[in-house]
Amino acid sequence: MIALRYIALAVFAVCAHGAGDKAISEIPSLTEQTTRGLHTNTGHIIFQSITEPTPTSSATELSTLESDSEIASSTPSPSPFEQARQSDGECMASGVEDWDRELQIGGVFIILMLSFVGAMLPVMGKYVNWLGNMRRVFVVGKFFGAGVILATSFVHMMGAAIETLGDSCLDGWLGGFESWPALLAMIALLAMHLMEHTMGRRIARSALSASAESTQSGHGASTPCVDDLPLKETPSRLESHEPSHAHAVYGHMDEHRKRLSTYVLELGIALHSIIVGVTLAVTGGTAFKTLLAAISFHQFFEGMALGTRVAALTFNRRPFLICMLNASIFALTTPLGQVIGIAVRESFAPRAPSSLLAMGVLDALSAGILLYSAVANLLVEEFAAFEFHQASRKMRIVCFAAMYAGCAAMSVIGKWA
């Protein structure tokens, strides 16, 4: 029994020794597999650390952003006084960049020449024989100029007034009311209508008073004054008194009315021409050349429309000199504005509240004056004239087309100037 126990112990020892050798022989392979696993896991960890931020880095970045926001919030914002001072600095900046004196002086003479030529051509057509055949051309030019004036009032003057009075440098100056340009234009239109009506009334009263005096001295009877007659009865009672004399009186009144409407038209054109001249003189760079071309076109055809109206008037003494004087006054208005702009350009602050108010108000008033002059004194009067209705159908179509073309041309120019 004892011998069997010793034999069993010996067998167990041999088996245990063989298993140990096998385990030892398998250690390198286990080590290699463990190393591979470690390399794989390590690469995955490294890649993951590169591509994905760790919670620690996110917290660090968040704390950095919070600290930056705290610094930004702790920085004091500009006070209202400092903001107002910066705004005043931008609005009160004076001077014109890229301003060329030679081009500006040359522009004065260009505008002067084209304005004078445009206004004098219809006058020359009336008093110079060899230009008499071009009267139809001047008539067409008059209707083209009427379209130019109408488009100028809407597209140029009203647009400039809206832009100027809506400038940010005028915040708080206009009481938050955004319709000042339209209101001022309407006031100017109504003022022109009232002025023309009042002056026309005086002309009619003067003519009828002169007629009454001449009738009383010649026939011993008096013609009642226009103030003593109802409006509907005045023509019939005058004609019943003496038809031929009544027609002469109304012809005289009509001539004075045409003269008055022509002078009203010239006044409106002169006012806006001065503003245009100042604007041109304080413009520099390539914008000056574009604006110069647009104003030259505008002044030529506007002068033709005015010159045609002046040439249609009758004057008792020196009619050619009077027509030439009217053309010269028109031709000098825009250059006068240019000279004023050249003189004040260094101290002129285009965005100063005073400058914006002055330019915006004058632009709006000019829009109303030109609108009244174009509609009441050109469109209504010229298209309702007896001579227009006596013209051929072809000529009437050409006149309408010329007016529409003038509106279209000036509207297109309004994109650049």
Protein backbone atom coordinates (compact mmCIF):
# COMPACT_ATOMS: atom_id res chain seq x y z
CA MET A 1 0.00 0.00 0.00
CA ILE A 2 2.82 2.29 0.92
CA ALA A 3 4.54 1.45 -2.35
CA LEU A 4 1.44 2.34 -4.37
CA ARG A 5 1.23 5.74 -2.69
CA TYR A 6 4.80 6.58 -3.65
CA ILE A 7 4.19 5.48 -7.25
CA ALA A 8 1.09 7.76 -7.46
CA LEU A 9 3.00 10.75 -6.11
CA ALA A 10 5.77 10.21 -8.66
CA VAL A 11 3.28 10.15 -11.57
CA PHE A 12 1.60 13.34 -10.35
CA ALA A 13 4.94 15.14 -10.10
CA VAL A 14 5.85 14.17 -13.67
CA CYS A 15 2.48 15.40 -15.00
CA ALA A 16 2.73 18.67 -13.14
CA HIS A 17 6.25 19.23 -14.51
CA GLY A 18 5.02 18.70 -18.13
CA ALA A 19 2.11 21.13 -17.68
CA GLY A 20 4.45 23.76 -16.31
CA ASP A 21 6.80 23.42 -19.27
CA LYS A 22 3.83 23.81 -21.67
CA ALA A 23 2.62 26.90 -19.80
CA ILE A 24 6.09 28.38 -19.93
CA SER A 25 6.32 27.68 -23.67
CA GLU A 26 2.97 29.44 -24.25
CA ILE A 27 4.02 32.63 -22.38
CA PRO A 28 5.69 34.31 -25.48
CA SER A 29 2.53 33.87 -27.59
CA LEU A 30 0.34 35.25 -24.82
CA THR A 31 2.76 38.11 -24.41
CA GLU A 32 2.67 38.83 -28.17
CA GLN A 33 -1.15 38.79 -28.23
CA THR A 34 -1.28 41.06 -25.19
CA THR A 35 1.16 43.46 -26.84
CA ARG A 36 -0.92 43.55 -30.02
CA GLY A 37 -4.04 44.27 -28.01
CA LEU A 38 -2.28 46.99 -26.13
CA HIS A 39 -1.04 48.59 -29.38
CA THR A 40 -4.54 48.43 -30.89
CA ASN A 41 -6.19 49.83 -27.81
CA THR A 42 -3.53 52.48 -27.46
CA GLY A 43 -3.98 53.57 -31.12
CA HIS A 44 -7.73 53.72 -30.67
CA ILE A 45 -7.30 55.78 -27.51
CA ILE A 46 -4.84 58.14 -29.23
CA PHE A 47 -7.14 58.56 -32.29
CA GLN A 48 -10.09 59.06 -30.00
CA SER A 49 -8.18 61.69 -28.02
CA ILE A 50 -7.33 63.53 -31.26
CA THR A 51 -10.77 63.45 -32.82
CA GLU A 52 -12.93 63.80 -29.74
CA PRO A 53 -12.38 66.43 -27.04
CA THR A 54 -12.09 65.04 -23.62
CA PRO A 55 -14.45 66.20 -20.93
CA THR A 56 -11.58 68.02 -19.31
CA SER A 57 -10.76 70.04 -22.45
CA SER A 58 -14.44 70.97 -22.98
CA ALA A 59 -14.70 72.20 -19.46
CA THR A 60 -11.49 74.19 -19.94
CA GLU A 61 -12.80 75.82 -23.12
CA LEU A 62 -16.14 76.57 -21.47
CA SER A 63 -14.43 78.21 -18.55
CA THR A 64 -12.28 80.23 -20.98
CA LEU A 65 -15.36 81.46 -22.86
CA GLU A 66 -17.07 82.33 -19.62
CA SER A 67 -14.04 84.30 -18.50
CA ASP A 68 -13.91 86.11 -21.86
CA SER A 69 -17.60 86.98 -21.64
CA GLU A 70 -17.08 88.23 -18.11
CA ILE A 71 -14.22 90.42 -19.34
CA ALA A 72 -16.35 91.72 -22.23
CA SER A 73 -19.28 92.40 -19.94
CA SER A 74 -17.02 94.10 -17.46
CA THR A 75 -15.71 96.45 -20.24
CA PRO A 76 -17.78 99.67 -20.07
CA SER A 77 -19.88 100.46 -23.19
CA PRO A 78 -19.63 103.93 -24.76
CA SER A 79 -21.81 106.44 -23.02
CA PRO A 80 -24.61 108.20 -24.96
CA PHE A 81 -22.48 111.34 -24.91
CA GLU A 82 -19.55 109.52 -26.56
CA GLN A 83 -21.86 107.93 -29.13
CA ALA A 84 -23.36 111.34 -29.92
CA ARG A 85 -19.87 112.81 -30.23
CA GLN A 86 -18.84 110.08 -32.70
CA SER A 87 -22.04 110.62 -34.67
CA ASP A 88 -21.47 114.37 -34.70
CA GLY A 89 -17.96 113.81 -35.99
CA GLU A 90 -19.28 111.82 -38.94
CA CYS A 91 -22.09 114.27 -39.66
CA MET A 92 -19.98 117.41 -39.34
CA ALA A 93 -17.15 116.22 -41.61
CA SER A 94 -16.47 118.92 -44.19
CA GLY A 95 -14.65 119.01 -47.50
CA VAL A 96 -14.97 117.06 -50.75
CA GLU A 97 -12.71 114.14 -51.68
CA ASP A 98 -11.12 113.87 -55.14
CA TRP A 99 -12.22 117.38 -56.10
CA ASP A 100 -10.78 118.78 -59.36
CA ARG A 101 -10.81 122.57 -59.69
CA GLU A 102 -10.17 122.59 -63.45
CA LEU A 103 -13.05 120.20 -64.15
CA GLN A 104 -15.34 122.22 -61.90
CA ILE A 105 -14.53 125.50 -63.65
CA GLY A 106 -14.92 123.83 -67.04
CA GLY A 107 -18.30 122.47 -65.93
CA VAL A 108 -19.48 126.02 -65.17
CA PHE A 109 -18.90 127.11 -68.77
CA ILE A 110 -20.33 123.89 -70.23
CA ILE A 111 -23.59 124.30 -68.32
CA LEU A 112 -23.74 128.01 -69.14
CA MET A 113 -23.32 127.43 -72.87
CA LEU A 114 -25.79 124.54 -73.18
CA SER A 115 -28.44 126.30 -71.08
CA PHE A 116 -28.18 129.48 -73.16
CA VAL A 117 -28.24 127.62 -76.47
CA GLY A 118 -31.25 125.53 -75.44
CA ALA A 119 -33.22 128.60 -74.36
CA MET A 120 -32.21 130.76 -77.33
CA LEU A 121 -32.89 128.29 -80.15
CA PRO A 122 -36.70 128.77 -80.10
CA VAL A 123 -36.23 132.54 -79.82
CA MET A 124 -33.88 132.54 -82.80
CA GLY A 125 -36.38 130.41 -84.69
CA LYS A 126 -38.97 133.17 -84.24
CA TYR A 127 -36.81 136.13 -85.18
CA VAL A 128 -34.31 134.63 -87.66
CA ASN A 129 -35.71 133.81 -91.08
CA TRP A 130 -33.54 130.83 -92.00
CA LEU A 131 -34.51 129.11 -88.73
CA GLY A 132 -38.21 129.57 -89.38
CA ASN A 133 -38.46 126.16 -91.08
CA MET A 134 -37.40 124.51 -87.80
CA ARG A 135 -40.36 125.73 -85.78
CA ARG A 136 -41.90 122.28 -85.70
CA VAL A 137 -38.66 120.94 -84.29
CA PHE A 138 -38.80 123.55 -81.55
CA VAL A 139 -42.43 122.67 -80.80
CA VAL A 140 -41.50 119.01 -80.45
CA GLY A 141 -38.55 120.04 -78.28
CA LYS A 142 -40.94 122.04 -76.09
CA PHE A 143 -43.06 118.97 -75.37
CA PHE A 144 -39.92 116.90 -74.82
CA GLY A 145 -38.78 119.54 -72.34
CA ALA A 146 -42.16 119.41 -70.62
CA GLY A 147 -41.60 115.70 -70.03
CA VAL A 148 -38.10 116.43 -68.76
CA ILE A 149 -39.43 118.97 -66.24
CA LEU A 150 -42.18 116.62 -65.07
CA ALA A 151 -39.73 113.75 -64.53
CA THR A 152 -37.30 116.12 -62.80
CA SER A 153 -39.93 117.06 -60.23
CA PHE A 154 -40.82 113.45 -59.39
CA VAL A 155 -37.63 111.46 -59.92
CA HIS A 156 -34.87 113.96 -59.14
CA MET A 157 -36.19 116.66 -56.81
CA MET A 158 -38.62 114.55 -54.79
CA GLY A 159 -36.21 111.61 -54.66
CA ALA A 160 -33.39 113.87 -53.47
CA ALA A 161 -35.64 115.45 -50.83
CA ILE A 162 -36.70 112.06 -49.47
CA GLU A 163 -33.10 110.84 -49.31
CA THR A 164 -31.79 114.05 -47.71
CA LEU A 165 -34.49 114.47 -45.08
CA GLY A 166 -34.29 110.76 -44.26
CA ASP A 167 -30.57 110.88 -43.43
CA SER A 168 -29.54 109.40 -40.10
CA CYS A 169 -27.87 112.68 -39.11
CA LEU A 170 -31.35 114.22 -38.87
CA ASP A 171 -32.61 111.72 -36.29
CA GLY A 172 -34.65 113.63 -33.75
CA TRP A 173 -34.82 116.79 -35.83
CA LEU A 174 -38.07 116.12 -37.73
CA GLY A 175 -40.21 114.74 -34.92
CA GLY A 176 -40.42 111.25 -36.41
CA PHE A 177 -42.61 112.51 -39.27
CA GLU A 178 -41.49 110.78 -42.48
CA SER A 179 -43.74 112.61 -44.95
CA TRP A 180 -42.09 116.03 -44.79
CA PRO A 181 -40.94 115.96 -48.45
CA ALA A 182 -44.45 115.29 -49.77
CA LEU A 183 -45.96 117.85 -47.39
CA LEU A 184 -43.49 120.57 -48.42
CA ALA A 185 -44.04 119.81 -52.11
CA MET A 186 -47.79 120.10 -51.63
CA ILE A 187 -47.37 123.42 -49.79
CA ALA A 188 -45.22 124.77 -52.65
CA LEU A 189 -47.75 123.60 -55.24
CA LEU A 190 -50.65 125.26 -53.40
CA ALA A 191 -48.61 128.44 -52.88
CA MET A 192 -47.83 128.64 -56.61
CA HIS A 193 -51.50 128.15 -57.44
CA LEU A 194 -52.56 130.85 -54.98
CA MET A 195 -49.92 133.28 -56.23
CA GLU A 196 -50.83 132.73 -59.88
CA HIS A 197 -54.54 133.08 -59.12
CA THR A 198 -54.00 136.29 -57.13
CA MET A 199 -51.81 137.87 -59.77
CA GLY A 200 -54.15 136.75 -62.53
CA ARG A 201 -57.05 138.33 -60.67
CA ARG A 202 -55.17 141.61 -60.46
CA ILE A 203 -54.34 141.45 -64.15
CA ALA A 204 -57.99 140.86 -65.02
CA ARG A 205 -59.12 143.71 -62.78
CA SER A 206 -56.56 146.06 -64.27
CA ALA A 207 -57.53 145.13 -67.83
CA LEU A 208 -61.23 145.57 -67.20
CA SER A 209 -60.67 148.87 -65.41
CA ALA A 210 -58.65 150.14 -68.37
CA SER A 211 -61.40 148.93 -70.69
CA ALA A 212 -64.05 150.74 -68.65
CA GLU A 213 -62.11 153.98 -68.71
CA SER A 214 -61.55 153.84 -72.47
CA THR A 215 -65.22 153.01 -73.10
CA GLN A 216 -66.42 155.81 -70.83
CA SER A 217 -64.16 158.37 -72.48
CA GLY A 218 -65.21 157.22 -75.95
CA HIS A 219 -68.93 156.54 -75.56
CA GLY A 220 -69.96 158.12 -72.29
CA ALA A 221 -70.84 154.77 -70.71
CA SER A 222 -68.90 152.58 -68.37
CA THR A 223 -68.25 148.89 -68.36
CA PRO A 224 -68.86 147.35 -64.93
CA CYS A 225 -65.82 146.18 -63.02
CA VAL A 226 -65.21 142.48 -62.76
CA ASP A 227 -65.69 142.60 -58.98
CA ASP A 228 -69.26 143.90 -59.42
CA LEU A 229 -70.32 141.04 -61.70
CA PRO A 230 -71.02 137.39 -60.98
CA LEU A 231 -68.41 135.14 -62.53
CA LYS A 232 -70.86 133.44 -64.90
CA GLU A 233 -72.32 136.72 -66.12
CA THR A 234 -69.11 138.63 -66.74
CA PRO A 235 -68.35 137.41 -70.31
CA SER A 236 -71.91 137.73 -71.59
CA ARG A 237 -72.44 141.22 -70.16
CA LEU A 238 -69.14 142.45 -71.50
CA GLU A 239 -69.84 141.01 -74.92
CA SER A 240 -73.36 142.46 -74.92
CA HIS A 241 -71.87 145.86 -74.17
CA GLU A 242 -69.42 145.81 -77.08
CA PRO A 243 -68.40 142.46 -78.58
CA SER A 244 -65.30 143.58 -80.43
CA HIS A 245 -64.01 145.50 -77.45
CA ALA A 246 -64.74 142.58 -75.13
CA HIS A 247 -62.71 140.23 -77.32
CA ALA A 248 -59.84 142.70 -77.24
CA VAL A 249 -60.01 142.83 -73.44
CA TYR A 250 -59.99 139.05 -73.09
CA GLY A 251 -57.15 138.78 -75.59
CA HIS A 252 -55.18 141.22 -73.49
CA MET A 253 -55.99 139.26 -70.33
CA ASP A 254 -55.00 135.99 -71.97
CA GLU A 255 -51.66 137.44 -73.02
CA HIS A 256 -50.95 138.61 -69.48
CA ARG A 257 -51.97 135.21 -68.13
CA LYS A 258 -49.54 133.45 -70.48
CA ARG A 259 -46.80 135.86 -69.49
CA LEU A 260 -47.51 135.24 -65.81
CA SER A 261 -47.46 131.45 -66.20
CA THR A 262 -44.20 131.68 -68.14
CA TYR A 263 -42.56 133.73 -65.39
CA VAL A 264 -43.86 131.31 -62.76
CA LEU A 265 -42.32 128.45 -64.75
CA GLU A 266 -39.02 130.32 -64.99
CA LEU A 267 -39.06 131.01 -61.24
CA GLY A 268 -39.51 127.34 -60.42
CA ILE A 269 -36.79 126.31 -62.85
CA ALA A 270 -34.39 128.95 -61.52
CA LEU A 271 -34.87 127.87 -57.90
CA HIS A 272 -34.11 124.23 -58.54
CA SER A 273 -31.27 125.08 -60.96
CA ILE A 274 -29.39 126.89 -58.19
CA ILE A 275 -29.73 123.83 -55.95
CA VAL A 276 -28.53 121.58 -58.76
CA GLY A 277 -25.52 123.85 -59.32
CA VAL A 278 -24.51 123.71 -55.65
CA THR A 279 -24.87 119.92 -55.65
CA LEU A 280 -22.68 119.63 -58.74
CA ALA A 281 -19.97 121.86 -57.30
CA VAL A 282 -19.61 119.84 -54.08
CA THR A 283 -19.39 116.52 -55.94
CA GLY A 284 -16.01 114.94 -56.69
CA GLY A 285 -14.52 111.93 -58.47
CA THR A 286 -16.27 110.02 -61.23
CA ALA A 287 -19.65 110.99 -59.79
CA PHE A 288 -18.98 114.57 -60.93
CA LYS A 289 -18.60 113.56 -64.58
CA THR A 290 -21.78 111.49 -64.51
CA LEU A 291 -23.72 114.28 -62.82
CA LEU A 292 -22.32 116.86 -65.24
CA ALA A 293 -23.53 114.86 -68.26
CA ALA A 294 -26.99 114.41 -66.74
CA ILE A 295 -27.36 118.09 -65.82
CA SER A 296 -26.16 119.21 -69.25
CA PHE A 297 -28.84 117.10 -70.93
CA HIS A 298 -31.45 118.33 -68.48
CA GLN A 299 -30.56 122.01 -68.81
CA PHE A 300 -30.57 121.97 -72.62
CA PHE A 301 -34.08 120.55 -73.02
CA GLU A 302 -35.44 122.42 -70.03
CA GLY A 303 -34.14 125.60 -71.64
CA MET A 304 -35.81 124.64 -74.91
CA ALA A 305 -39.17 124.23 -73.17
CA LEU A 306 -38.80 127.59 -71.43
CA GLY A 307 -37.48 129.30 -74.57
CA THR A 308 -40.46 128.10 -76.60
CA ARG A 309 -42.84 129.59 -74.02
CA VAL A 310 -40.91 132.87 -73.96
CA ALA A 311 -40.83 133.06 -77.76
CA ALA A 312 -44.64 132.67 -77.87
CA LEU A 313 -45.11 135.87 -75.83
CA THR A 314 -45.61 139.27 -77.43
CA PHE A 315 -43.82 142.38 -76.22
CA ASN A 316 -44.42 145.91 -77.35
CA ARG A 317 -40.83 147.10 -77.12
CA ARG A 318 -37.64 145.30 -78.05
CA PRO A 319 -39.08 141.77 -77.96
CA PHE A 320 -35.85 140.08 -79.03
CA LEU A 321 -33.85 141.71 -76.23
CA ILE A 322 -36.50 140.79 -73.65
CA CYS A 323 -36.52 137.16 -74.83
CA MET A 324 -32.73 137.13 -74.76
CA LEU A 325 -32.78 138.54 -71.21
CA ASN A 326 -35.10 135.74 -70.07
CA ALA A 327 -32.86 133.13 -71.70
CA SER A 328 -29.81 134.67 -70.04
CA ILE A 329 -31.42 134.61 -66.60
CA PHE A 330 -32.19 130.93 -67.01
CA ALA A 331 -28.69 130.17 -68.31
CA LEU A 332 -27.02 131.89 -65.35
CA THR A 333 -28.92 130.16 -62.53
CA THR A 334 -27.11 126.81 -62.53
CA PRO A 335 -23.62 128.37 -62.95
CA LEU A 336 -24.50 130.69 -60.06
CA GLY A 337 -25.17 127.65 -57.90
CA GLN A 338 -21.89 126.12 -59.06
CA VAL A 339 -19.95 129.24 -58.08
CA ILE A 340 -21.59 129.21 -54.65
CA GLY A 341 -20.71 125.53 -54.22
CA ILE A 342 -17.09 126.09 -55.28
CA ALA A 343 -16.75 128.95 -52.80
CA VAL A 344 -18.07 126.98 -49.81
CA ARG A 345 -16.83 123.48 -50.64
CA GLU A 346 -13.99 123.47 -48.06
CA SER A 347 -16.28 124.43 -45.18
CA PHE A 348 -19.35 122.71 -46.56
CA ALA A 349 -20.44 119.74 -44.46
CA PRO A 350 -22.90 117.82 -46.64
CA ARG A 351 -24.26 115.74 -43.73
CA ALA A 352 -24.52 118.52 -41.19
CA PRO A 353 -28.11 118.92 -39.95
CA SER A 354 -28.29 122.52 -41.16
CA SER A 355 -27.07 121.54 -44.65
CA LEU A 356 -29.40 118.56 -44.86
CA LEU A 357 -32.38 120.63 -43.76
CA ALA A 358 -31.62 123.43 -46.21
CA MET A 359 -31.05 121.11 -49.18
CA GLY A 360 -33.95 118.81 -48.34
CA VAL A 361 -36.46 121.62 -47.87
CA LEU A 362 -35.37 123.38 -51.07
CA ASP A 363 -35.51 120.11 -53.02
CA ALA A 364 -39.03 119.40 -51.79
CA LEU A 365 -40.22 122.95 -52.54
CA SER A 366 -38.63 122.78 -55.98
CA ALA A 367 -40.40 119.49 -56.64
CA GLY A 368 -43.76 121.09 -55.87
CA ILE A 369 -43.01 124.18 -57.98
CA LEU A 370 -41.82 122.15 -60.98
CA LEU A 371 -44.76 119.79 -60.67
CA TYR A 372 -47.22 122.69 -60.76
CA SER A 373 -45.36 124.38 -63.60
CA ALA A 374 -45.14 121.21 -65.68
CA VAL A 375 -48.77 120.18 -65.22
CA ALA A 376 -50.60 123.52 -65.07
CA ASN A 377 -48.43 125.68 -67.32
CA LEU A 378 -47.17 123.14 -69.84
CA LEU A 379 -49.27 119.99 -70.10
CA VAL A 380 -52.74 121.43 -69.51
CA GLU A 381 -52.12 124.74 -71.23
CA GLU A 382 -50.21 123.49 -74.26
CA PHE A 383 -52.38 120.45 -74.95
CA ALA A 384 -55.53 122.55 -74.57
CA ALA A 385 -54.30 125.32 -76.86
CA PHE A 386 -56.24 126.07 -80.02
CA GLU A 387 -53.11 125.72 -82.16
CA PHE A 388 -52.50 122.19 -80.85
CA HIS A 389 -56.00 121.04 -81.77
CA GLN A 390 -55.64 122.63 -85.21
CA ALA A 391 -52.46 120.63 -85.88
CA SER A 392 -52.54 117.41 -87.87
CA ARG A 393 -53.08 114.08 -86.19
CA LYS A 394 -49.52 113.04 -86.96
CA MET A 395 -48.14 116.17 -85.31
CA ARG A 396 -50.26 115.64 -82.20
CA ILE A 397 -49.01 112.04 -81.91
CA VAL A 398 -45.43 113.24 -82.28
CA CYS A 399 -45.96 115.80 -79.48
CA PHE A 400 -47.38 113.17 -77.13
CA ALA A 401 -44.52 110.81 -77.97
CA ALA A 402 -41.99 113.60 -77.36
CA MET A 403 -43.44 114.31 -73.92
CA TYR A 404 -43.36 110.61 -72.96
CA ALA A 405 -39.80 110.31 -74.30
CA GLY A 406 -38.72 113.28 -72.17
CA CYS A 407 -40.19 111.66 -69.06
CA ALA A 408 -38.52 108.34 -69.87
CA ALA A 409 -35.13 109.86 -70.66
CA MET A 410 -34.97 111.91 -67.46
CA SER A 411 -36.17 108.96 -65.40
CA VAL A 412 -33.40 106.75 -66.78
CA ILE A 413 -30.84 109.44 -66.06
CA GLY A 414 -32.14 109.52 -62.50
CA LYS A 415 -30.48 106.15 -61.92
CA TRP A 416 -27.03 107.78 -62.06
CA ALA A 417 -27.71 111.40 -61.14
